[in-house]
Amino acid sequence: MARITRALVSVSDKRGLEELARALAARGVEILSTGGTARALAEWGVPVTAVSDYTGSPEILDGRVKTLHPRIHGGILGRRDDARHQAEMRAHAIGPIDMVVVNLYPFEAVTARPEASFTEAIENIDIGGPSMVRSAAKNHADVTVLVDPDDYAAVVAELGASGAVSAATNRRLAEKAFALTARYDGAIADYLAAARTDEPFGPTARLVGTKAQDLRYGENPHQRAAFYRDATLPDEPSVVSARQLQGKELSFNNIVDANAALELVKEFRAPAAVAIKHTNPCGVATAATLVEAFIKARACDPVSIFGGIVAFNRPLDRATAEAMQDLFLEVVIAPRIAPDALALFGGSKRLQQVRLLTLELADSDDLFTVSRRAWQGVAGRSHDVKRVIGGFLVQDRDLAEVDVGTCTVATVRAPNAGELAALDFAWRVCKHVKSNAIVLARADQVVGVGAGQMSRVDAARLAVMRAASAGLPIAGAVAASDAFFPFRDGLDVVAEAGVRAVIQPGGSIRDAEVVAAANERDVAMVLTGQRHFRH
């Protein structure tokens, strides 16, 4: 058990500091501090000793050297159970420092700002802070190290209950401290490498996460799993930042599917509903109201939506909740959930099983706008990672957008305004369908989806089959293909079914053959020059 007689406190994030400092002072703990932290403590009326007074050495070099002193690090690192250490400490007038409360200069937050200069970044590399944190974490048998304000209350409670901090708590806090300094140094290394070269990927790549929760199991019950928050990126509306309001614990597959649903619904400005099954969309629609959008999305594939995931880009209201009452869903996610809608879910034993997630956006926030602002903020730093045995692949996230109105018209007939709107809708959906992907759609509703097929013509046949199964007419609809048609057969399938316009990347050696097939059938075709493979 570590008893606290002296604490060193130096933080950039002062959240929760006043409460912690008052609790320590009330226990008679001597508090040492520096700079702005010392001034804040003094303003709160908490007794504090400046580190420079304690060490007898002034802060120098614009504050670059404050705590790098034997009286500080000796007080932290000296082993209480080692007689030789204790004798040396007495000989050099070094008193023990039993608690270190430090969080680091905000290097990651500073370098996340596009306008931050290299000089500003360098000045936000903390030296003394990591040194104290590492010293305290190394000597955690005797020293309590606090690097996260969220841990303050529990430590204060433990001190109040037993008068000391347990060895188990100190060990846990030390692990957290070393994780922080490892991440911090990694962020600096990544920044310096990126600043030195124009290459988008540096010589090393880090996967750094903080555990959000343990999961019951992975994709299958025999696989263990946990869910981690990416510690290298600022928050954007996501499953990891969502709050669960009701329902059983999220499973591995729930999280994967909810992520797919949320990323697709972010594509739309109008009220939209997206249904996902096994990471592929089985229903997507927009409308003037959310309930209309949901009813149309459900109609896309009323069978596959059963047991699926549904995401909305508007607050979930009572009318939309009522439209879902007879349907079993695993997860529902929305920017907000109205109280009367939440009451409806909570009032039914069956609906209580639905996992309700809210992004908790403000009333004025639009998910489309908020998401694009977040995407701009992480541009060049937000990566997609895929594991292979022995390594992993890193790439930019697929955040590309296409202005359908400026795409190349390849056919004699150009698409009309209504077809352009439908092509835009279909292309946004197709981006989120597993390859090979064909999407049949109107301007506000998916008609049929062919996903994950080994050949493009089979994807086209599957999309037509799904539309027929749902009883949705294809005549006058449009088609989107995530990559080029390698032969005319896929084009022939959708045109024969009644498709009037097609959007595809182009680039096949048989483009002329495919365009000719479209012209034969009076189908308009535009080429994006950009594909959206999703494996």
Protein backbone atom coordinates (compact mmCIF):
# COMPACT_ATOMS: atom_id res chain seq x y z
CA MET A 1 0.00 0.00 0.00
CA ALA A 2 1.39 3.41 -1.02
CA ARG A 3 0.81 6.22 1.47
CA ILE A 4 0.85 9.70 0.00
CA THR A 5 2.80 12.44 1.79
CA ARG A 6 4.04 14.50 -1.14
CA ALA A 7 2.61 14.87 -4.68
CA LEU A 8 3.96 16.53 -7.78
CA VAL A 9 1.19 17.99 -9.96
CA SER A 10 1.80 19.43 -13.45
CA VAL A 11 -0.96 19.15 -16.04
CA SER A 12 -2.01 20.75 -19.31
CA ASP A 13 -5.54 19.28 -19.03
CA LYS A 14 -6.87 20.71 -15.75
CA ARG A 15 -10.17 18.80 -15.82
CA GLY A 16 -10.92 17.50 -12.31
CA LEU A 17 -7.74 19.00 -10.89
CA GLU A 18 -9.33 21.30 -8.31
CA GLU A 19 -11.27 18.46 -6.69
CA LEU A 20 -8.18 16.21 -6.60
CA ALA A 21 -5.92 18.94 -5.20
CA ARG A 22 -8.40 19.88 -2.48
CA ALA A 23 -8.76 16.22 -1.47
CA LEU A 24 -4.97 15.81 -1.26
CA ALA A 25 -4.52 19.04 0.69
CA ALA A 26 -7.25 17.96 3.13
CA ARG A 27 -5.18 14.84 3.85
CA GLY A 28 -2.10 16.99 4.60
CA VAL A 29 -0.31 16.07 1.37
CA GLU A 30 2.39 18.55 0.33
CA ILE A 31 1.81 19.59 -3.30
CA LEU A 32 4.66 20.57 -5.61
CA SER A 33 3.82 22.17 -8.93
CA THR A 34 5.04 24.23 -11.87
CA GLY A 35 3.95 27.09 -14.11
CA GLY A 36 0.28 27.39 -14.97
CA THR A 37 -0.71 24.49 -12.74
CA ALA A 38 0.86 26.13 -9.69
CA ARG A 39 -0.91 29.40 -10.50
CA ALA A 40 -4.26 27.62 -10.83
CA LEU A 41 -3.80 25.85 -7.50
CA ALA A 42 -2.92 29.11 -5.79
CA GLU A 43 -6.01 30.80 -7.27
CA TRP A 44 -8.15 27.98 -5.82
CA GLY A 45 -6.57 28.54 -2.42
CA VAL A 46 -4.80 25.17 -2.40
CA PRO A 47 -1.39 25.31 -0.65
CA VAL A 48 1.33 24.71 -3.24
CA THR A 49 5.12 24.81 -3.37
CA ALA A 50 6.76 25.81 -6.65
CA VAL A 51 9.12 23.14 -7.96
CA SER A 52 11.79 25.81 -8.47
CA ASP A 53 11.59 26.68 -4.75
CA TYR A 54 11.69 23.01 -3.79
CA THR A 55 14.74 22.22 -5.93
CA GLY A 56 16.49 25.57 -5.49
CA SER A 57 16.87 25.72 -9.27
CA PRO A 58 14.90 28.18 -11.43
CA GLU A 59 12.95 27.21 -14.51
CA ILE A 60 15.24 27.92 -17.48
CA LEU A 61 15.27 27.92 -21.28
CA ASP A 62 11.71 29.25 -21.64
CA GLY A 63 10.43 26.55 -19.31
CA ARG A 64 12.06 23.70 -21.22
CA VAL A 65 13.88 22.70 -18.00
CA LYS A 66 11.73 22.67 -14.88
CA THR A 67 11.55 19.23 -13.30
CA LEU A 68 14.74 17.59 -14.62
CA HIS A 69 16.45 17.65 -11.23
CA PRO A 70 17.79 15.00 -8.76
CA ARG A 71 15.44 16.20 -6.00
CA ILE A 72 12.50 15.46 -8.30
CA HIS A 73 13.56 12.22 -9.99
CA GLY A 74 15.39 10.96 -6.91
CA GLY A 75 12.26 11.54 -4.87
CA ILE A 76 10.20 9.59 -7.41
CA LEU A 77 12.64 6.76 -8.16
CA GLY A 78 14.05 6.10 -4.70
CA ARG A 79 12.97 2.66 -3.47
CA ARG A 80 11.38 2.81 -0.04
CA ASP A 81 12.44 -0.75 0.83
CA ASP A 82 16.10 -0.27 -0.14
CA ALA A 83 18.26 0.96 2.77
CA ARG A 84 21.02 2.14 0.43
CA HIS A 85 18.54 4.23 -1.59
CA GLN A 86 17.13 5.73 1.59
CA ALA A 87 20.59 6.63 2.87
CA GLU A 88 21.52 8.32 -0.41
CA MET A 89 18.27 10.26 -0.40
CA ARG A 90 18.95 11.54 3.13
CA ALA A 91 22.53 12.44 2.21
CA HIS A 92 21.31 14.58 -0.68
CA ALA A 93 18.29 16.03 1.13
CA ILE A 94 15.88 14.26 -1.26
CA GLY A 95 12.40 13.71 0.13
CA PRO A 96 10.08 11.04 -1.28
CA ILE A 97 7.48 12.01 -3.89
CA ASP A 98 4.67 9.50 -3.53
CA MET A 99 2.30 10.68 -6.25
CA VAL A 100 2.86 12.13 -9.72
CA VAL A 101 -0.11 13.78 -11.44
CA VAL A 102 0.94 14.66 -14.96
CA ASN A 103 -0.63 14.85 -18.40
CA LEU A 104 1.45 15.89 -21.33
CA TYR A 105 1.72 18.87 -23.64
CA PRO A 106 -1.07 18.46 -26.24
CA PHE A 107 1.24 17.47 -29.12
CA GLU A 108 -1.41 15.40 -30.93
CA ALA A 109 -4.08 18.10 -30.64
CA VAL A 110 -1.68 20.78 -31.89
CA THR A 111 -0.45 18.78 -34.88
CA ALA A 112 -4.05 17.86 -35.79
CA ARG A 113 -4.60 21.53 -36.68
CA PRO A 114 -3.76 22.10 -40.38
CA GLU A 115 -2.38 25.56 -39.63
CA ALA A 116 0.07 24.35 -36.94
CA SER A 117 3.67 25.13 -37.85
CA PHE A 118 6.61 22.78 -37.46
CA THR A 119 8.07 25.10 -34.82
CA GLU A 120 4.85 25.03 -32.82
CA ALA A 121 4.78 21.25 -33.03
CA ILE A 122 8.35 20.96 -31.73
CA GLU A 123 7.62 23.28 -28.80
CA ASN A 124 4.72 21.01 -27.84
CA ILE A 125 6.98 17.99 -27.40
CA ASP A 126 6.94 17.40 -23.66
CA ILE A 127 10.25 16.32 -22.08
CA GLY A 128 9.89 16.66 -18.34
CA GLY A 129 6.35 15.26 -18.28
CA PRO A 130 7.13 11.90 -19.91
CA SER A 131 10.28 11.63 -17.81
CA MET A 132 8.33 12.01 -14.57
CA VAL A 133 5.58 9.71 -15.76
CA ARG A 134 8.06 6.99 -16.69
CA SER A 135 9.94 7.40 -13.39
CA ALA A 136 6.75 7.13 -11.37
CA ALA A 137 5.47 4.19 -13.41
CA LYS A 138 8.79 2.36 -13.03
CA ASN A 139 8.62 2.79 -9.26
CA HIS A 140 4.89 2.02 -9.03
CA ALA A 141 5.53 -0.23 -6.03
CA ASP A 142 5.89 3.00 -4.03
CA VAL A 143 4.51 5.77 -6.28
CA THR A 144 1.03 6.46 -7.63
CA VAL A 145 1.03 7.91 -11.15
CA LEU A 146 -2.07 9.64 -12.51
CA VAL A 147 -2.12 10.57 -16.20
CA ASP A 148 -5.90 10.55 -16.79
CA PRO A 149 -8.36 12.83 -14.96
CA ASP A 150 -10.94 10.04 -15.17
CA ASP A 151 -8.88 8.14 -12.57
CA TYR A 152 -8.78 10.92 -9.97
CA ALA A 153 -12.08 10.16 -8.22
CA ALA A 154 -11.36 6.46 -7.74
CA VAL A 155 -7.94 7.15 -6.21
CA VAL A 156 -9.39 9.79 -3.88
CA ALA A 157 -12.06 7.30 -2.81
CA GLU A 158 -9.42 4.64 -2.18
CA LEU A 159 -7.37 7.06 -0.09
CA GLY A 160 -10.47 7.95 1.90
CA ALA A 161 -11.34 4.30 2.52
CA SER A 162 -7.93 2.92 3.45
CA GLY A 163 -5.54 5.87 3.77
CA ALA A 164 -3.37 4.49 0.96
CA VAL A 165 -3.39 3.37 -2.65
CA SER A 166 -3.28 -0.38 -3.23
CA ALA A 167 -0.54 -2.17 -5.12
CA ALA A 168 -3.12 -3.39 -7.66
CA THR A 169 -4.26 0.16 -8.38
CA ASN A 170 -0.69 1.41 -8.71
CA ARG A 171 0.11 -1.41 -11.13
CA ARG A 172 -2.94 -0.61 -13.28
CA LEU A 173 -2.09 3.10 -13.30
CA ALA A 174 1.53 2.32 -14.25
CA GLU A 175 0.36 0.26 -17.23
CA LYS A 176 -1.78 3.18 -18.33
CA ALA A 177 1.13 5.58 -17.92
CA PHE A 178 3.50 3.55 -20.09
CA ALA A 179 0.76 3.18 -22.71
CA LEU A 180 0.46 6.97 -22.77
CA THR A 181 4.18 7.63 -23.21
CA ALA A 182 4.46 4.93 -25.88
CA ARG A 183 1.61 6.47 -27.85
CA TYR A 184 3.00 9.98 -27.33
CA ASP A 185 6.47 9.09 -28.63
CA GLY A 186 4.90 7.23 -31.55
CA ALA A 187 2.86 10.28 -32.52
CA ILE A 188 6.00 12.41 -32.48
CA ALA A 189 7.93 9.90 -34.59
CA ASP A 190 5.07 9.73 -37.10
CA TYR A 191 4.85 13.52 -37.31
CA LEU A 192 8.58 13.98 -37.84
CA ALA A 193 8.65 11.29 -40.53
CA ALA A 194 5.71 12.88 -42.33
CA ALA A 195 7.29 16.34 -42.12
CA ARG A 196 10.55 15.03 -43.58
CA THR A 197 9.08 13.41 -46.68
CA ASP A 198 6.25 13.77 -49.14
CA GLU A 199 5.55 10.05 -48.88
CA PRO A 200 2.03 9.42 -47.50
CA PHE A 201 3.15 6.43 -45.42
CA GLY A 202 6.16 6.48 -43.12
CA PRO A 203 8.75 3.78 -42.42
CA THR A 204 6.72 2.47 -39.48
CA ALA A 205 2.99 2.17 -38.85
CA ARG A 206 1.29 2.10 -35.46
CA LEU A 207 -1.96 0.54 -34.36
CA VAL A 208 -2.81 2.24 -31.07
CA GLY A 209 -6.12 1.70 -29.34
CA THR A 210 -7.70 2.14 -25.95
CA LYS A 211 -10.13 -0.59 -24.95
CA ALA A 212 -13.75 0.47 -25.21
CA GLN A 213 -15.11 -2.87 -24.04
CA ASP A 214 -14.52 -6.59 -23.88
CA LEU A 215 -16.86 -8.58 -26.12
CA ARG A 216 -18.58 -11.84 -25.31
CA TYR A 217 -16.84 -13.40 -28.32
CA GLY A 218 -15.66 -12.61 -31.83
CA GLU A 219 -17.21 -13.50 -35.17
CA ASN A 220 -17.85 -16.96 -33.73
CA PRO A 221 -18.29 -18.15 -30.13
CA HIS A 222 -14.91 -19.90 -30.03
CA GLN A 223 -13.07 -16.60 -30.79
CA ARG A 224 -12.23 -14.12 -28.02
CA ALA A 225 -12.57 -10.41 -28.86
CA ALA A 226 -12.45 -6.83 -27.60
CA PHE A 227 -13.40 -3.43 -29.06
CA TYR A 228 -10.78 -0.64 -29.13
CA ARG A 229 -11.04 3.08 -29.79
CA ASP A 230 -8.41 4.46 -32.19
CA ALA A 231 -6.25 6.56 -29.89
CA THR A 232 -4.50 8.40 -32.73
CA LEU A 233 -7.52 10.21 -34.18
CA PRO A 234 -9.99 12.84 -33.02
CA ASP A 235 -13.59 11.72 -32.65
CA GLU A 236 -16.03 11.71 -35.54
CA PRO A 237 -19.57 10.32 -35.47
CA SER A 238 -18.89 6.60 -35.19
CA VAL A 239 -19.95 3.39 -33.52
CA VAL A 240 -17.07 3.67 -31.05
CA SER A 241 -18.27 7.10 -29.90
CA ALA A 242 -21.96 6.13 -29.82
CA ARG A 243 -23.81 5.62 -26.53
CA GLN A 244 -25.95 2.53 -26.03
CA LEU A 245 -29.31 3.33 -24.46
CA GLN A 246 -30.79 -0.16 -24.17
CA GLY A 247 -30.46 -3.76 -25.27
CA LYS A 248 -27.93 -6.52 -24.81
CA GLU A 249 -24.20 -5.92 -25.07
CA LEU A 250 -23.01 -5.30 -28.62
CA SER A 251 -21.42 -8.28 -30.30
CA PHE A 252 -18.42 -8.30 -32.64
CA ASN A 253 -20.68 -8.70 -35.67
CA ASN A 254 -23.11 -6.04 -34.39
CA ILE A 255 -20.27 -3.52 -34.30
CA VAL A 256 -19.01 -4.40 -37.78
CA ASP A 257 -22.50 -4.15 -39.28
CA ALA A 258 -23.43 -0.99 -37.37
CA ASN A 259 -20.27 0.66 -38.67
CA ALA A 260 -21.23 -0.27 -42.25
CA ALA A 261 -24.75 1.12 -41.76
CA LEU A 262 -23.55 4.37 -40.24
CA GLU A 263 -20.91 4.99 -42.91
CA LEU A 264 -23.51 4.54 -45.66
CA VAL A 265 -26.18 6.74 -44.09
CA LYS A 266 -23.59 9.54 -43.81
CA GLU A 267 -23.72 9.79 -47.62
CA PHE A 268 -27.13 11.49 -47.68
CA ARG A 269 -28.43 14.99 -46.93
CA ALA A 270 -32.15 14.16 -47.13
CA PRO A 271 -33.78 12.07 -44.39
CA ALA A 272 -32.41 8.57 -44.98
CA ALA A 273 -32.72 5.03 -43.66
CA VAL A 274 -30.17 2.28 -44.28
CA ALA A 275 -30.59 -1.42 -43.52
CA ILE A 276 -27.50 -3.63 -43.41
CA LYS A 277 -27.17 -7.40 -43.31
CA HIS A 278 -23.71 -8.99 -43.11
CA THR A 279 -22.06 -5.61 -43.96
CA ASN A 280 -24.01 -5.20 -47.23
CA PRO A 281 -26.98 -2.86 -47.71
CA CYS A 282 -30.29 -4.68 -48.10
CA GLY A 283 -32.34 -1.47 -48.02
CA VAL A 284 -31.57 2.20 -48.60
CA ALA A 285 -33.99 5.05 -49.17
CA THR A 286 -34.48 8.78 -48.73
CA ALA A 287 -37.75 10.70 -48.34
CA ALA A 288 -39.29 13.89 -47.03
CA THR A 289 -39.69 12.30 -43.59
CA LEU A 290 -37.75 9.66 -41.72
CA VAL A 291 -40.69 7.29 -41.40
CA GLU A 292 -41.25 7.37 -45.17
CA ALA A 293 -37.56 6.69 -45.73
CA PHE A 294 -37.69 3.68 -43.40
CA ILE A 295 -40.81 2.23 -45.03
CA LYS A 296 -39.18 2.48 -48.46
CA ALA A 297 -35.87 1.05 -47.19
CA ARG A 298 -37.72 -1.91 -45.67
CA ALA A 299 -39.52 -2.49 -48.97
CA CYS A 300 -36.17 -2.94 -50.75
CA ASP A 301 -35.76 -6.36 -49.12
CA PRO A 302 -38.37 -7.12 -46.46
CA VAL A 303 -36.86 -10.55 -45.82
CA SER A 304 -33.17 -9.71 -45.36
CA ILE A 305 -33.85 -6.75 -43.08
CA PHE A 306 -35.05 -9.23 -40.43
CA GLY A 307 -32.31 -9.46 -37.81
CA GLY A 308 -30.41 -6.63 -39.50
CA ILE A 309 -28.97 -3.27 -38.52
CA VAL A 310 -30.76 0.01 -39.30
CA ALA A 311 -29.14 3.46 -39.29
CA PHE A 312 -30.77 6.88 -39.65
CA ASN A 313 -29.31 10.30 -40.38
CA ARG A 314 -32.06 12.14 -38.50
CA PRO A 315 -33.31 11.86 -34.92
CA LEU A 316 -35.40 8.73 -34.48
CA ASP A 317 -38.95 9.94 -33.87
CA ARG A 318 -42.05 8.20 -32.52
CA ALA A 319 -43.62 7.63 -35.96
CA THR A 320 -40.51 5.85 -37.25
CA ALA A 321 -40.23 3.79 -34.08
CA GLU A 322 -43.86 2.70 -34.50
CA ALA A 323 -43.10 1.58 -38.07
CA MET A 324 -40.45 -0.80 -36.69
CA GLN A 325 -42.58 -2.39 -33.96
CA ASP A 326 -43.29 -5.62 -35.82
CA LEU A 327 -39.72 -6.13 -37.00
CA PHE A 328 -36.86 -7.88 -35.21
CA LEU A 329 -33.69 -5.78 -35.48
CA GLU A 330 -30.31 -6.30 -33.86
CA VAL A 331 -29.23 -2.64 -33.72
CA VAL A 332 -30.77 0.77 -34.43
CA ILE A 333 -28.45 3.78 -34.57
CA ALA A 334 -29.40 7.45 -35.00
CA PRO A 335 -27.95 10.90 -34.26
CA ARG A 336 -30.49 11.25 -31.44
CA ILE A 337 -33.51 9.30 -30.18
CA ALA A 338 -36.61 11.24 -29.19
CA PRO A 339 -37.90 10.54 -25.65
CA ASP A 340 -41.28 9.24 -26.89
CA ALA A 341 -39.52 6.90 -29.35
CA LEU A 342 -37.26 5.63 -26.56
CA ALA A 343 -40.31 5.08 -24.36
CA LEU A 344 -41.93 2.99 -27.10
CA PHE A 345 -38.88 0.72 -27.33
CA GLY A 346 -38.64 0.48 -23.56
CA GLY A 347 -42.33 -0.34 -23.15
CA SER A 348 -42.25 -3.61 -25.08
CA LYS A 349 -40.42 -6.69 -23.84
CA ARG A 350 -39.51 -7.63 -27.41
CA LEU A 351 -38.40 -4.12 -28.41
CA GLN A 352 -36.29 -3.88 -25.25
CA GLN A 353 -33.97 -6.42 -26.88
CA VAL A 354 -33.08 -3.99 -29.68
CA ARG A 355 -29.70 -2.37 -29.11
CA LEU A 356 -30.36 1.37 -29.41
CA LEU A 357 -27.32 3.55 -30.14
CA THR A 358 -27.26 7.33 -30.23
CA LEU A 359 -24.50 9.57 -31.56
CA GLU A 360 -25.71 12.35 -29.23
CA LEU A 361 -25.27 15.11 -31.80
CA ALA A 362 -26.62 18.54 -30.95
CA ASP A 363 -30.06 19.57 -32.25
CA SER A 364 -28.44 21.85 -34.84
CA ASP A 365 -26.03 19.18 -36.12
CA ASP A 366 -26.55 17.57 -39.52
CA LEU A 367 -24.86 14.16 -39.77
CA PHE A 368 -23.84 14.72 -43.40
CA THR A 369 -22.18 18.07 -42.62
CA VAL A 370 -20.64 16.94 -39.33
CA SER A 371 -19.17 13.85 -40.99
CA ARG A 372 -17.61 15.75 -43.86
CA ARG A 373 -16.12 18.29 -41.48
CA ALA A 374 -14.62 15.39 -39.51
CA TRP A 375 -13.31 13.76 -42.70
CA GLN A 376 -11.53 16.99 -43.64
CA GLY A 377 -10.02 17.14 -40.16
CA VAL A 378 -8.50 13.67 -40.47
CA ALA A 379 -7.53 13.91 -44.15
CA GLY A 380 -4.24 12.13 -44.74
CA ARG A 381 -4.27 10.61 -41.23
CA SER A 382 -7.37 8.44 -41.30
CA HIS A 383 -6.42 5.03 -42.56
CA ASP A 384 -8.07 1.71 -43.28
CA VAL A 385 -6.13 -1.31 -42.02
CA LYS A 386 -6.53 -4.91 -43.14
CA ARG A 387 -4.66 -7.77 -41.49
CA VAL A 388 -2.96 -10.62 -43.30
CA ILE A 389 -0.97 -13.37 -41.61
CA GLY A 390 2.42 -11.90 -40.77
CA GLY A 391 1.57 -8.28 -41.46
CA PHE A 392 -1.06 -5.71 -42.34
CA LEU A 393 -2.06 -3.41 -45.18
CA VAL A 394 -2.62 0.31 -44.67
CA GLN A 395 -4.47 2.61 -47.05
CA ASP A 396 -6.35 5.89 -47.02
CA ARG A 397 -10.03 5.58 -46.16
CA ASP A 398 -12.24 5.68 -49.24
CA LEU A 399 -13.72 9.13 -48.72
CA ALA A 400 -13.75 10.06 -52.43
CA GLU A 401 -16.85 11.68 -53.89
CA VAL A 402 -17.96 12.12 -57.50
CA ASP A 403 -19.98 14.94 -59.05
CA VAL A 404 -22.17 12.85 -61.32
CA GLY A 405 -23.09 15.92 -63.39
CA THR A 406 -19.47 16.32 -64.51
CA CYS A 407 -18.83 12.66 -65.35
CA THR A 408 -18.02 11.68 -68.91
CA VAL A 409 -21.08 10.75 -70.95
CA ALA A 410 -19.98 7.72 -73.01
CA THR A 411 -23.20 7.04 -74.92
CA VAL A 412 -25.16 8.81 -77.63
CA ARG A 413 -27.93 9.57 -75.19
CA ALA A 414 -27.06 11.60 -72.12
CA PRO A 415 -28.93 10.93 -68.87
CA ASN A 416 -31.76 13.33 -68.10
CA ALA A 417 -32.05 15.23 -64.81
CA GLY A 418 -34.07 12.49 -63.11
CA GLU A 419 -31.63 9.82 -64.19
CA LEU A 420 -28.68 11.89 -62.97
CA ALA A 421 -30.28 12.13 -59.52
CA ALA A 422 -30.80 8.36 -59.50
CA LEU A 423 -27.24 7.74 -60.69
CA ASP A 424 -25.90 9.90 -57.86
CA PHE A 425 -27.96 7.91 -55.32
CA ALA A 426 -26.93 4.55 -56.79
CA TRP A 427 -23.23 5.49 -56.86
CA ARG A 428 -23.26 6.52 -53.19
CA VAL A 429 -24.78 3.18 -52.24
CA CYS A 430 -22.53 1.14 -54.56
CA LYS A 431 -19.46 2.50 -52.78
CA HIS A 432 -20.56 0.58 -49.67
CA VAL A 433 -21.38 -2.76 -51.31
CA LYS A 434 -18.87 -5.63 -51.35
CA SER A 435 -17.30 -6.34 -54.75
CA ASN A 436 -18.30 -7.37 -57.29
CA ALA A 437 -21.16 -4.92 -56.78
CA ILE A 438 -24.18 -3.91 -58.84
CA VAL A 439 -26.85 -1.58 -57.43
CA LEU A 440 -30.21 -0.93 -59.09
CA ALA A 441 -31.93 2.20 -57.83
CA ARG A 442 -34.22 5.13 -58.33
CA ALA A 443 -33.40 8.63 -57.04
CA ASP A 444 -34.66 7.81 -53.55
CA GLN A 445 -34.68 4.03 -53.17
CA VAL A 446 -32.57 0.96 -53.81
CA VAL A 447 -34.35 -1.51 -56.06
CA GLY A 448 -31.90 -4.42 -56.03
CA VAL A 449 -28.36 -5.21 -54.86
CA GLY A 450 -25.91 -7.78 -56.19
CA ALA A 451 -22.99 -8.06 -53.75
CA GLY A 452 -19.84 -10.08 -53.28
CA GLN A 453 -20.05 -12.13 -56.45
CA MET A 454 -17.09 -13.69 -58.21
CA SER A 455 -18.25 -12.37 -61.61
CA ARG A 456 -19.89 -9.06 -62.47
CA VAL A 457 -22.56 -10.66 -64.62
CA ASP A 458 -23.63 -12.79 -61.63
CA ALA A 459 -23.80 -9.63 -59.50
CA ALA A 460 -26.07 -8.10 -62.15
CA ARG A 461 -28.28 -11.19 -62.22
CA LEU A 462 -28.48 -11.21 -58.42
CA ALA A 463 -29.49 -7.52 -58.31
CA VAL A 464 -32.28 -8.19 -60.82
CA MET A 465 -33.37 -11.27 -58.88
CA ARG A 466 -33.47 -9.35 -55.58
CA ALA A 467 -35.63 -6.63 -57.14
CA ALA A 468 -38.06 -9.24 -58.47
CA SER A 469 -38.14 -10.98 -55.09
CA ALA A 470 -39.05 -7.70 -53.37
CA GLY A 471 -41.66 -6.91 -56.02
CA LEU A 472 -39.91 -3.68 -57.04
CA PRO A 473 -40.12 -2.78 -60.75
CA ILE A 474 -36.81 -2.15 -62.50
CA ALA A 475 -38.24 -0.42 -65.57
CA GLY A 476 -36.86 3.15 -65.62
CA ALA A 477 -34.36 2.50 -62.84
CA VAL A 478 -30.59 3.05 -63.08
CA ALA A 479 -27.62 0.79 -62.32
CA ALA A 480 -24.27 1.45 -60.64
CA SER A 481 -21.25 -0.81 -60.97
CA ASP A 482 -18.36 -0.39 -58.53
CA ALA A 483 -15.81 -1.27 -61.25
CA PHE A 484 -15.88 -1.52 -65.00
CA PHE A 485 -17.89 -4.07 -66.98
CA PRO A 486 -15.27 -6.51 -68.34
CA PHE A 487 -17.79 -7.73 -70.94
CA ARG A 488 -21.14 -6.52 -72.24
CA ASP A 489 -23.01 -9.40 -70.57
CA GLY A 490 -23.57 -7.55 -67.28
CA LEU A 491 -24.84 -4.48 -69.10
CA ASP A 492 -27.16 -6.66 -71.19
CA VAL A 493 -28.65 -8.22 -68.03
CA VAL A 494 -29.61 -4.90 -66.40
CA ALA A 495 -30.73 -3.30 -69.67
CA GLU A 496 -32.93 -6.28 -70.48
CA ALA A 497 -34.53 -5.87 -67.04
CA GLY A 498 -35.46 -2.25 -67.80
CA VAL A 499 -32.53 -0.12 -66.58
CA ARG A 500 -32.37 3.22 -68.44
CA ALA A 501 -29.01 4.62 -67.28
CA VAL A 502 -25.74 3.25 -65.92
CA ILE A 503 -22.84 4.70 -63.94
CA GLN A 504 -19.52 2.87 -63.89
CA PRO A 505 -15.81 3.75 -63.72
CA GLY A 506 -14.83 2.70 -67.26
CA GLY A 507 -11.31 1.64 -68.11
CA SER A 508 -11.87 -1.81 -69.55
CA ILE A 509 -10.23 -2.83 -72.83
CA ARG A 510 -13.80 -3.66 -73.88
CA ASP A 511 -15.29 -0.27 -72.98
CA ALA A 512 -16.22 0.30 -76.63
CA GLU A 513 -18.12 -3.00 -76.70
CA VAL A 514 -20.00 -2.14 -73.50
CA VAL A 515 -20.83 1.39 -74.70
CA ALA A 516 -22.06 -0.04 -78.00
CA ALA A 517 -24.35 -2.41 -76.10
CA ALA A 518 -25.75 0.55 -74.16
CA ASN A 519 -26.32 2.50 -77.38
CA GLU A 520 -28.11 -0.48 -78.93
CA ARG A 521 -30.58 -0.40 -76.04
CA ASP A 522 -30.81 3.41 -75.75
CA VAL A 523 -29.28 3.24 -72.26
CA ALA A 524 -27.41 6.35 -71.11
CA MET A 525 -24.00 5.69 -69.57
CA VAL A 526 -21.62 7.91 -67.61
CA LEU A 527 -18.05 7.09 -66.61
CA THR A 528 -16.65 8.23 -63.25
CA GLY A 529 -13.00 7.35 -63.86
CA GLN A 530 -13.02 6.18 -60.24
CA ARG A 531 -13.81 2.75 -58.83
CA HIS A 532 -14.94 1.67 -55.37
CA PHE A 533 -13.76 -1.88 -54.78
CA ARG A 534 -14.66 -3.08 -51.28
CA HIS A 535 -13.22 -6.51 -50.51
